[in-house]
C-alpha atoms as a PDB file:
ATOM      1  CA  MET A   1      47.975 118.651 164.778  1.00  0.00           C
ATOM      2  CA  ASN A   2      44.845 120.375 163.440  1.00  0.00           C
ATOM      3  CA  LYS A   3      45.286 123.800 162.002  1.00  0.00           C
ATOM      4  CA  VAL A   4      42.486 126.259 162.557  1.00  0.00           C
ATOM      5  CA  LYS A   5      41.413 128.012 159.381  1.00  0.00           C
ATOM      6  CA  TYR A   6      40.526 131.629 159.906  1.00  0.00           C
ATOM      7  CA  ILE A   7      38.156 133.292 157.526  1.00  0.00           C
ATOM      8  CA  ASP A   8      37.556 136.979 157.114  1.00  0.00           C
ATOM      9  CA  ALA A   9      33.982 137.853 158.067  1.00  0.00           C
ATOM     10  CA  LEU A  10      33.474 140.131 155.066  1.00  0.00           C
ATOM     11  CA  ASP A  11      34.781 137.448 152.705  1.00  0.00           C
ATOM     12  CA  TYR A  12      32.433 134.931 154.283  1.00  0.00           C
ATOM     13  CA  ILE A  13      29.426 137.235 153.946  1.00  0.00           C
ATOM     14  CA  ALA A  14      30.293 138.042 150.337  1.00  0.00           C
ATOM     15  CA  SER A  15      30.578 134.340 149.584  1.00  0.00           C
ATOM     16  CA  GLU A  16      27.249 133.564 151.240  1.00  0.00           C
ATOM     17  CA  LYS A  17      25.548 136.423 149.355  1.00  0.00           C
ATOM     18  CA  GLU A  18      26.961 135.163 146.094  1.00  0.00           C
ATOM     19  CA  ASN A  19      25.591 131.677 146.716  1.00  0.00           C
ATOM     20  CA  ASP A  20      22.170 132.651 148.092  1.00  0.00           C
ATOM     21  CA  SER A  21      20.024 134.990 146.012  1.00  0.00           C
ATOM     22  CA  GLU A  22      17.408 135.397 148.765  1.00  0.00           C
ATOM     23  CA  LEU A  23      20.069 136.386 151.301  1.00  0.00           C
ATOM     24  CA  SER A  24      21.555 138.784 148.764  1.00  0.00           C
ATOM     25  CA  LYS A  25      18.153 140.409 148.190  1.00  0.00           C
ATOM     26  CA  VAL A  26      17.474 140.809 151.922  1.00  0.00           C
ATOM     27  CA  MET A  27      20.945 142.213 152.587  1.00  0.00           C
ATOM     28  CA  ASP A  28      20.644 144.708 149.713  1.00  0.00           C
ATOM     29  CA  GLU A  29      17.243 145.862 150.992  1.00  0.00           C
ATOM     30  CA  GLU A  30      18.621 146.349 154.502  1.00  0.00           C
ATOM     31  CA  LYS A  31      21.612 148.254 153.154  1.00  0.00           C
ATOM     32  CA  SER A  32      19.304 150.594 151.227  1.00  0.00           C
ATOM     33  CA  LYS A  33      17.225 151.162 154.346  1.00  0.00           C
ATOM     34  CA  MET A  34      20.300 151.930 156.435  1.00  0.00           C
ATOM     35  CA  ASP A  35      21.750 154.218 153.749  1.00  0.00           C
ATOM     36  CA  LEU A  36      18.529 156.230 153.858  1.00  0.00           C
ATOM     37  CA  ALA A  37      18.614 156.274 157.666  1.00  0.00           C
ATOM     38  CA  VAL A  38      22.135 157.699 157.565  1.00  0.00           C
ATOM     39  CA  GLU A  39      21.141 160.314 154.958  1.00  0.00           C
ATOM     40  CA  ILE A  40      18.225 161.563 157.040  1.00  0.00           C
ATOM     41  CA  THR A  41      20.287 161.559 160.234  1.00  0.00           C
ATOM     42  CA  GLU A  42      23.067 163.528 158.525  1.00  0.00           C
ATOM     43  CA  LEU A  43      20.530 165.976 157.088  1.00  0.00           C
ATOM     44  CA  ARG A  44      19.040 166.609 160.522  1.00  0.00           C
ATOM     45  CA  ARG A  45      22.447 166.994 162.158  1.00  0.00           C
ATOM     46  CA  SER A  46      23.676 169.329 159.410  1.00  0.00           C
ATOM     47  CA  MET A  47      20.741 171.564 160.296  1.00  0.00           C
ATOM     48  CA  GLY A  48      21.773 171.492 163.953  1.00  0.00           C
ATOM     49  CA  LEU A  49      18.412 170.090 165.019  1.00  0.00           C
ATOM     50  CA  THR A  50      17.414 167.521 167.605  1.00  0.00           C
ATOM     51  CA  GLN A  51      15.063 164.762 166.522  1.00  0.00           C
ATOM     52  CA  GLU A  52      12.226 166.598 168.221  1.00  0.00           C
ATOM     53  CA  GLU A  53      12.991 169.906 166.465  1.00  0.00           C
ATOM     54  CA  PHE A  54      13.404 168.157 163.114  1.00  0.00           C
ATOM     55  CA  ALA A  55      10.151 166.241 163.608  1.00  0.00           C
ATOM     56  CA  LYS A  56       8.261 169.496 164.222  1.00  0.00           C
ATOM     57  CA  LYS A  57       9.828 171.068 161.150  1.00  0.00           C
ATOM     58  CA  VAL A  58       8.814 168.143 158.919  1.00  0.00           C
ATOM     59  CA  ASN A  59       5.436 167.653 160.617  1.00  0.00           C
ATOM     60  CA  LYS A  60       6.105 164.097 161.731  1.00  0.00           C
ATOM     61  CA  PRO A  61       6.101 162.547 165.207  1.00  0.00           C
ATOM     62  CA  GLN A  62       9.541 162.387 166.850  1.00  0.00           C
ATOM     63  CA  SER A  63       9.041 158.642 167.223  1.00  0.00           C
ATOM     64  CA  THR A  64       8.764 158.335 163.427  1.00  0.00           C
ATOM     65  CA  ILE A  65      12.030 160.221 162.934  1.00  0.00           C
ATOM     66  CA  ALA A  66      13.699 157.996 165.550  1.00  0.00           C
ATOM     67  CA  ARG A  67      12.476 154.821 163.810  1.00  0.00           C
ATOM     68  CA  ILE A  68      13.618 156.076 160.404  1.00  0.00           C
ATOM     69  CA  GLU A  69      17.048 157.065 161.734  1.00  0.00           C
ATOM     70  CA  SER A  70      17.526 153.725 163.470  1.00  0.00           C
ATOM     71  CA  GLY A  71      16.530 151.797 160.365  1.00  0.00           C
ATOM     72  CA  GLU A  72      13.505 150.282 162.085  1.00  0.00           C
ATOM     73  CA  GLU A  73      11.114 152.030 159.712  1.00  0.00           C
ATOM     74  CA  ASN A  74      11.360 152.143 155.959  1.00  0.00           C
ATOM     75  CA  PRO A  75       9.684 155.432 154.996  1.00  0.00           C
ATOM     76  CA  THR A  76       7.521 155.692 151.904  1.00  0.00           C
ATOM     77  CA  PHE A  77       8.554 157.880 148.984  1.00  0.00           C
ATOM     78  CA  LYS A  78       5.773 160.220 150.057  1.00  0.00           C
ATOM     79  CA  THR A  79       7.349 160.645 153.495  1.00  0.00           C
ATOM     80  CA  ILE A  80      10.818 161.106 152.002  1.00  0.00           C
ATOM     81  CA  PHE A  81       9.549 163.805 149.646  1.00  0.00           C
ATOM     82  CA  GLU A  82       7.562 165.497 152.433  1.00  0.00           C
ATOM     83  CA  ILE A  83      10.714 165.670 154.553  1.00  0.00           C
ATOM     84  CA  GLY A  84      12.726 167.082 151.650  1.00  0.00           C
ATOM     85  CA  TYR A  85      10.088 169.683 150.840  1.00  0.00           C
ATOM     86  CA  ALA A  86       9.738 170.729 154.489  1.00  0.00           C
ATOM     87  CA  VAL A  87      13.469 171.459 154.779  1.00  0.00           C
ATOM     88  CA  GLY A  88      13.896 172.957 151.301  1.00  0.00           C
ATOM     89  CA  LYS A  89      15.910 170.081 149.855  1.00  0.00           C
ATOM     90  CA  GLN A  90      15.485 168.333 146.529  1.00  0.00           C
ATOM     91  CA  VAL A  91      15.144 164.565 146.694  1.00  0.00           C
ATOM     92  CA  ASN A  92      16.923 162.570 143.997  1.00  0.00           C
ATOM     93  CA  VAL A  93      16.191 158.914 143.342  1.00  0.00           C
ATOM     94  CA  SER A  94      18.443 156.788 141.157  1.00  0.00           C
ATOM     95  CA  TYR A  95      18.838 153.196 140.123  1.00  0.00           C
ATOM     96  CA  GLU A  96      22.327 151.773 140.169  1.00  0.00           C
END
């Protein structure tokens, strides 16, 4: 009788990342993009603003804010700093 081997998805992904430097690079880039998307979404929500209200405050189209928050768009440092300045927040960049 054949036994089915179950593998944890996170273990599998970690193993694949470890063995494929290109995959690791792409996954790390996507994670950074999504981390930024979450940060901007949380900032907007903490201010009690809709995407449209936030977009007006930061002088960007609502569609841009939506793309950033969904991770579809990777904003430039210029855009990130413009958003921070417009809402009175300091932007910190670090390498880990």
